[in-house]
Amino acid sequence: MKRLFLMGRSEAGKTSLAQALRGEELHYHKTQFTYANDDTIDTPGEYSESKAVGVGLACFSFESDVVAIVIAADEPFTVFAPNCGAFLNRPLIGVITKIDSPYANVAMVSQWLLSSGCERIFQVNNITGEGVGELRNYLQEELPQISLEEAKRLQGMGLHDWDALPSEA
């Protein structure tokens, strides 16, 4: 399973998402520090909300296989700038939580995530489990194993290391 790095504002549902992915019973737990286990790196929302400690997110991201921006569907704004994932050398995905909120605006949050550079977006409800299985399946897909030469070739074509090799024409 790919190791997932979660970043997002406080109360976005990062810790609940980690619990749901592991099949645990959901219980509120304020993340006070970066918590890492074999499959998830969970960060405090304050890291995304403050420039003073936000750079720490970049450092932690290198310990993961996939980086996820988590935004609740009822958020009134985003703290993530357009193309903010440009510094990453990991796939960037978006996760929209709280999709059942009466104040949910999934279309707006999807646009924020696309603008941030997310390659794929998952809509989840941590309580009911809706969408969690799809995200779990994505995380269970095998990572491509490529040589340094293949990585250099892909980078020379402006592609990511995890992109499929183009077919020879």
C-alpha atoms as a PDB file:
ATOM      1  CA  MET A   1       0.000   0.000   0.000  1.00  0.00           C
ATOM      2  CA  LYS A   2       1.228   3.480  -0.844  1.00  0.00           C
ATOM      3  CA  ARG A   3       2.121   5.673   2.105  1.00  0.00           C
ATOM      4  CA  LEU A   4      -0.283   8.636   2.141  1.00  0.00           C
ATOM      5  CA  PHE A   5       0.687  12.111   3.352  1.00  0.00           C
ATOM      6  CA  LEU A   6      -2.306  14.182   4.500  1.00  0.00           C
ATOM      7  CA  MET A   7      -2.291  17.978   4.627  1.00  0.00           C
ATOM      8  CA  GLY A   8      -5.152  20.409   5.054  1.00  0.00           C
ATOM      9  CA  ARG A   9      -6.739  22.948   7.360  1.00  0.00           C
ATOM     10  CA  SER A  10      -7.813  22.133  10.906  1.00  0.00           C
ATOM     11  CA  GLU A  11     -11.135  20.273  11.031  1.00  0.00           C
ATOM     12  CA  ALA A  12     -10.860  19.178   7.371  1.00  0.00           C
ATOM     13  CA  GLY A  13     -11.150  15.514   8.362  1.00  0.00           C
ATOM     14  CA  LYS A  14      -7.558  14.298   7.888  1.00  0.00           C
ATOM     15  CA  THR A  15      -7.378  12.186  11.053  1.00  0.00           C
ATOM     16  CA  SER A  16     -10.884  10.797  10.522  1.00  0.00           C
ATOM     17  CA  LEU A  17      -9.907   9.902   6.952  1.00  0.00           C
ATOM     18  CA  ALA A  18      -6.831   8.029   8.204  1.00  0.00           C
ATOM     19  CA  GLN A  19      -9.051   6.146  10.671  1.00  0.00           C
ATOM     20  CA  ALA A  20     -11.617   5.348   7.951  1.00  0.00           C
ATOM     21  CA  LEU A  21      -8.914   4.065   5.582  1.00  0.00           C
ATOM     22  CA  ARG A  22      -7.684   1.701   8.302  1.00  0.00           C
ATOM     23  CA  GLY A  23     -11.259   0.552   9.027  1.00  0.00           C
ATOM     24  CA  GLU A  24     -11.142   1.903  12.571  1.00  0.00           C
ATOM     25  CA  GLU A  25     -14.055   3.307  14.525  1.00  0.00           C
ATOM     26  CA  LEU A  26     -14.003   7.082  14.151  1.00  0.00           C
ATOM     27  CA  HIS A  27     -13.161   9.085  17.234  1.00  0.00           C
ATOM     28  CA  TYR A  28     -12.161  12.720  17.437  1.00  0.00           C
ATOM     29  CA  HIS A  29      -8.486  13.252  18.102  1.00  0.00           C
ATOM     30  CA  LYS A  30      -6.849  16.654  17.711  1.00  0.00           C
ATOM     31  CA  THR A  31      -3.561  16.107  15.906  1.00  0.00           C
ATOM     32  CA  GLN A  32      -0.984  18.040  17.941  1.00  0.00           C
ATOM     33  CA  PHE A  33       2.099  16.880  16.048  1.00  0.00           C
ATOM     34  CA  THR A  34       2.942  15.035  12.846  1.00  0.00           C
ATOM     35  CA  TYR A  35       1.914  11.431  13.327  1.00  0.00           C
ATOM     36  CA  ALA A  36       3.350   8.771  11.052  1.00  0.00           C
ATOM     37  CA  ASN A  37       2.716   5.058  10.811  1.00  0.00           C
ATOM     38  CA  ASP A  38       3.323   2.514   8.036  1.00  0.00           C
ATOM     39  CA  ASP A  39       0.562   3.772   5.734  1.00  0.00           C
ATOM     40  CA  THR A  40      -0.249   7.383   6.701  1.00  0.00           C
ATOM     41  CA  ILE A  41       1.434  10.633   7.694  1.00  0.00           C
ATOM     42  CA  ASP A  42      -1.109  12.885   9.431  1.00  0.00           C
ATOM     43  CA  THR A  43      -0.214  16.529  10.050  1.00  0.00           C
ATOM     44  CA  PRO A  44      -1.766  19.241  12.204  1.00  0.00           C
ATOM     45  CA  GLY A  45      -3.950  21.660  10.261  1.00  0.00           C
ATOM     46  CA  GLU A  46      -1.928  24.543  11.621  1.00  0.00           C
ATOM     47  CA  TYR A  47       0.942  23.486   9.341  1.00  0.00           C
ATOM     48  CA  SER A  48      -1.190  24.328   6.313  1.00  0.00           C
ATOM     49  CA  GLU A  49      -2.469  27.505   7.904  1.00  0.00           C
ATOM     50  CA  SER A  50       0.855  29.113   8.840  1.00  0.00           C
ATOM     51  CA  LYS A  51       3.807  30.114   6.687  1.00  0.00           C
ATOM     52  CA  ALA A  52       6.083  29.776   9.705  1.00  0.00           C
ATOM     53  CA  VAL A  53       5.692  25.989   9.869  1.00  0.00           C
ATOM     54  CA  GLY A  54       4.254  25.265   6.426  1.00  0.00           C
ATOM     55  CA  VAL A  55       7.668  24.487   4.987  1.00  0.00           C
ATOM     56  CA  GLY A  56       7.654  21.439   7.243  1.00  0.00           C
ATOM     57  CA  LEU A  57       4.963  19.971   4.994  1.00  0.00           C
ATOM     58  CA  ALA A  58       7.443  19.857   2.124  1.00  0.00           C
ATOM     59  CA  CYS A  59       9.958  17.996   4.262  1.00  0.00           C
ATOM     60  CA  PHE A  60       7.436  15.417   5.486  1.00  0.00           C
ATOM     61  CA  SER A  61       6.084  14.871   1.982  1.00  0.00           C
ATOM     62  CA  PHE A  62       9.323  13.216   0.904  1.00  0.00           C
ATOM     63  CA  GLU A  63       8.606  10.361   3.332  1.00  0.00           C
ATOM     64  CA  SER A  64       5.422   9.436   1.452  1.00  0.00           C
ATOM     65  CA  ASP A  65       4.430   7.828  -1.836  1.00  0.00           C
ATOM     66  CA  VAL A  66       1.396  10.073  -2.444  1.00  0.00           C
ATOM     67  CA  VAL A  67       0.525  13.547  -1.134  1.00  0.00           C
ATOM     68  CA  ALA A  68      -3.114  14.443  -0.495  1.00  0.00           C
ATOM     69  CA  ILE A  69      -4.605  17.875  -0.032  1.00  0.00           C
ATOM     70  CA  VAL A  70      -7.688  17.379   2.140  1.00  0.00           C
ATOM     71  CA  ILE A  71     -10.411  20.032   1.976  1.00  0.00           C
ATOM     72  CA  ALA A  72     -13.859  19.768   3.551  1.00  0.00           C
ATOM     73  CA  ALA A  73     -16.726  20.313   1.100  1.00  0.00           C
ATOM     74  CA  ASP A  74     -18.128  23.072   3.315  1.00  0.00           C
ATOM     75  CA  GLU A  75     -14.925  25.133   3.529  1.00  0.00           C
ATOM     76  CA  PRO A  76     -15.512  28.821   2.762  1.00  0.00           C
ATOM     77  CA  PHE A  77     -11.988  29.292   1.319  1.00  0.00           C
ATOM     78  CA  THR A  78      -8.776  27.428   0.586  1.00  0.00           C
ATOM     79  CA  VAL A  79      -5.277  28.021   1.935  1.00  0.00           C
ATOM     80  CA  PHE A  80      -3.680  26.230  -1.019  1.00  0.00           C
ATOM     81  CA  ALA A  81      -2.400  28.436  -3.835  1.00  0.00           C
ATOM     82  CA  PRO A  82      -2.683  27.529  -7.509  1.00  0.00           C
ATOM     83  CA  ASN A  83       0.010  25.050  -8.565  1.00  0.00           C
ATOM     84  CA  CYS A  84       1.175  24.688  -4.956  1.00  0.00           C
ATOM     85  CA  GLY A  85       2.206  21.098  -5.635  1.00  0.00           C
ATOM     86  CA  ALA A  86       4.879  22.155  -8.108  1.00  0.00           C
ATOM     87  CA  PHE A  87       7.628  21.555  -5.540  1.00  0.00           C
ATOM     88  CA  LEU A  88       6.602  17.933  -4.971  1.00  0.00           C
ATOM     89  CA  ASN A  89       8.216  14.920  -6.528  1.00  0.00           C
ATOM     90  CA  ARG A  90       5.269  12.739  -5.503  1.00  0.00           C
ATOM     91  CA  PRO A  91       1.808  12.365  -7.058  1.00  0.00           C
ATOM     92  CA  LEU A  92      -0.598  14.981  -5.665  1.00  0.00           C
ATOM     93  CA  ILE A  93      -4.224  13.988  -5.150  1.00  0.00           C
ATOM     94  CA  GLY A  94      -7.164  15.827  -3.670  1.00  0.00           C
ATOM     95  CA  VAL A  95      -9.628  14.485  -1.121  1.00  0.00           C
ATOM     96  CA  ILE A  96     -12.934  16.230  -0.500  1.00  0.00           C
ATOM     97  CA  THR A  97     -14.406  15.301   2.878  1.00  0.00           C
ATOM     98  CA  LYS A  98     -17.771  16.110   4.467  1.00  0.00           C
ATOM     99  CA  ILE A  99     -19.557  15.705   1.140  1.00  0.00           C
ATOM    100  CA  ASP A 100     -22.843  15.197   3.014  1.00  0.00           C
ATOM    101  CA  SER A 101     -22.736  18.637   4.669  1.00  0.00           C
ATOM    102  CA  PRO A 102     -25.780  20.808   3.924  1.00  0.00           C
ATOM    103  CA  TYR A 103     -23.265  23.563   3.108  1.00  0.00           C
ATOM    104  CA  ALA A 104     -21.179  21.403   0.772  1.00  0.00           C
ATOM    105  CA  ASN A 105     -19.958  22.964  -2.457  1.00  0.00           C
ATOM    106  CA  VAL A 106     -18.126  20.051  -4.057  1.00  0.00           C
ATOM    107  CA  ALA A 107     -17.787  21.785  -7.432  1.00  0.00           C
ATOM    108  CA  MET A 108     -15.977  24.765  -5.882  1.00  0.00           C
ATOM    109  CA  VAL A 109     -13.646  22.577  -3.804  1.00  0.00           C
ATOM    110  CA  SER A 110     -12.933  20.414  -6.874  1.00  0.00           C
ATOM    111  CA  GLN A 111     -11.863  23.553  -8.747  1.00  0.00           C
ATOM    112  CA  TRP A 112      -9.541  24.560  -5.905  1.00  0.00           C
ATOM    113  CA  LEU A 113      -7.929  21.114  -5.956  1.00  0.00           C
ATOM    114  CA  LEU A 114      -7.529  21.085  -9.735  1.00  0.00           C
ATOM    115  CA  SER A 115      -6.003  24.565  -9.571  1.00  0.00           C
ATOM    116  CA  SER A 116      -3.574  23.345  -6.898  1.00  0.00           C
ATOM    117  CA  GLY A 117      -2.328  20.681  -9.286  1.00  0.00           C
ATOM    118  CA  CYS A 118      -4.121  17.569  -8.035  1.00  0.00           C
ATOM    119  CA  GLU A 119      -3.999  14.757 -10.594  1.00  0.00           C
ATOM    120  CA  ARG A 120      -7.010  12.956  -9.177  1.00  0.00           C
ATOM    121  CA  ILE A 121      -9.802  13.895  -6.778  1.00  0.00           C
ATOM    122  CA  PHE A 122     -11.668  11.624  -4.375  1.00  0.00           C
ATOM    123  CA  GLN A 123     -14.953  12.522  -2.672  1.00  0.00           C
ATOM    124  CA  VAL A 124     -15.408  10.819   0.689  1.00  0.00           C
ATOM    125  CA  ASN A 125     -17.660  10.673   3.683  1.00  0.00           C
ATOM    126  CA  ASN A 126     -15.567   9.421   6.597  1.00  0.00           C
ATOM    127  CA  ILE A 127     -18.638   8.550   8.668  1.00  0.00           C
ATOM    128  CA  THR A 128     -20.584   6.464   6.130  1.00  0.00           C
ATOM    129  CA  GLY A 129     -17.510   5.245   4.255  1.00  0.00           C
ATOM    130  CA  GLU A 130     -18.754   6.581   0.912  1.00  0.00           C
ATOM    131  CA  GLY A 131     -15.776   6.956  -1.442  1.00  0.00           C
ATOM    132  CA  VAL A 132     -13.268   5.564   1.072  1.00  0.00           C
ATOM    133  CA  GLY A 133     -13.066   2.238  -0.775  1.00  0.00           C
ATOM    134  CA  GLU A 134     -12.180   3.971  -4.047  1.00  0.00           C
ATOM    135  CA  LEU A 135      -9.363   5.879  -2.335  1.00  0.00           C
ATOM    136  CA  ARG A 136      -8.172   2.701  -0.614  1.00  0.00           C
ATOM    137  CA  ASN A 137      -8.110   0.878  -3.982  1.00  0.00           C
ATOM    138  CA  TYR A 138      -6.019   3.690  -5.474  1.00  0.00           C
ATOM    139  CA  LEU A 139      -3.573   3.448  -2.573  1.00  0.00           C
ATOM    140  CA  GLN A 140      -3.272  -0.321  -3.045  1.00  0.00           C
ATOM    141  CA  GLU A 141      -2.228  -0.001  -6.695  1.00  0.00           C
ATOM    142  CA  GLU A 142       1.400  -0.908  -7.219  1.00  0.00           C
ATOM    143  CA  LEU A 143       3.915   1.872  -7.619  1.00  0.00           C
ATOM    144  CA  PRO A 144       5.789   1.749 -10.912  1.00  0.00           C
ATOM    145  CA  GLN A 145       9.386   0.616 -10.563  1.00  0.00           C
ATOM    146  CA  ILE A 146      11.663   2.395 -12.999  1.00  0.00           C
ATOM    147  CA  SER A 147      15.387   2.778 -13.394  1.00  0.00           C
ATOM    148  CA  LEU A 148      17.279   6.009 -12.981  1.00  0.00           C
ATOM    149  CA  GLU A 149      17.760   6.148 -16.744  1.00  0.00           C
ATOM    150  CA  GLU A 150      13.991   5.815 -17.313  1.00  0.00           C
ATOM    151  CA  ALA A 151      13.334   8.548 -14.741  1.00  0.00           C
ATOM    152  CA  LYS A 152      15.807  10.867 -16.470  1.00  0.00           C
ATOM    153  CA  ARG A 153      14.179  10.120 -19.822  1.00  0.00           C
ATOM    154  CA  LEU A 154      10.712  10.925 -18.484  1.00  0.00           C
ATOM    155  CA  GLN A 155      11.956  14.097 -16.831  1.00  0.00           C
ATOM    156  CA  GLY A 156      13.616  15.100 -20.101  1.00  0.00           C
ATOM    157  CA  MET A 157      10.183  14.900 -21.742  1.00  0.00           C
ATOM    158  CA  GLY A 158       8.633  17.026 -18.978  1.00  0.00           C
ATOM    159  CA  LEU A 159       6.859  14.058 -17.371  1.00  0.00           C
ATOM    160  CA  HIS A 160       6.768  12.836 -13.789  1.00  0.00           C
ATOM    161  CA  ASP A 161       8.604   9.727 -12.666  1.00  0.00           C
ATOM    162  CA  TRP A 162       5.262   7.992 -12.013  1.00  0.00           C
ATOM    163  CA  ASP A 163       3.792   8.783 -15.442  1.00  0.00           C
ATOM    164  CA  ALA A 164       3.516   5.884 -17.882  1.00  0.00           C
ATOM    165  CA  LEU A 165       6.267   5.634 -20.443  1.00  0.00           C
ATOM    166  CA  PRO A 166       5.000   6.920 -23.780  1.00  0.00           C
ATOM    167  CA  SER A 167       4.684   4.269 -26.455  1.00  0.00           C
ATOM    168  CA  GLU A 168       7.401   4.274 -29.081  1.00  0.00           C
ATOM    169  CA  ALA A 169       6.018   5.501 -32.392  1.00  0.00           C
END
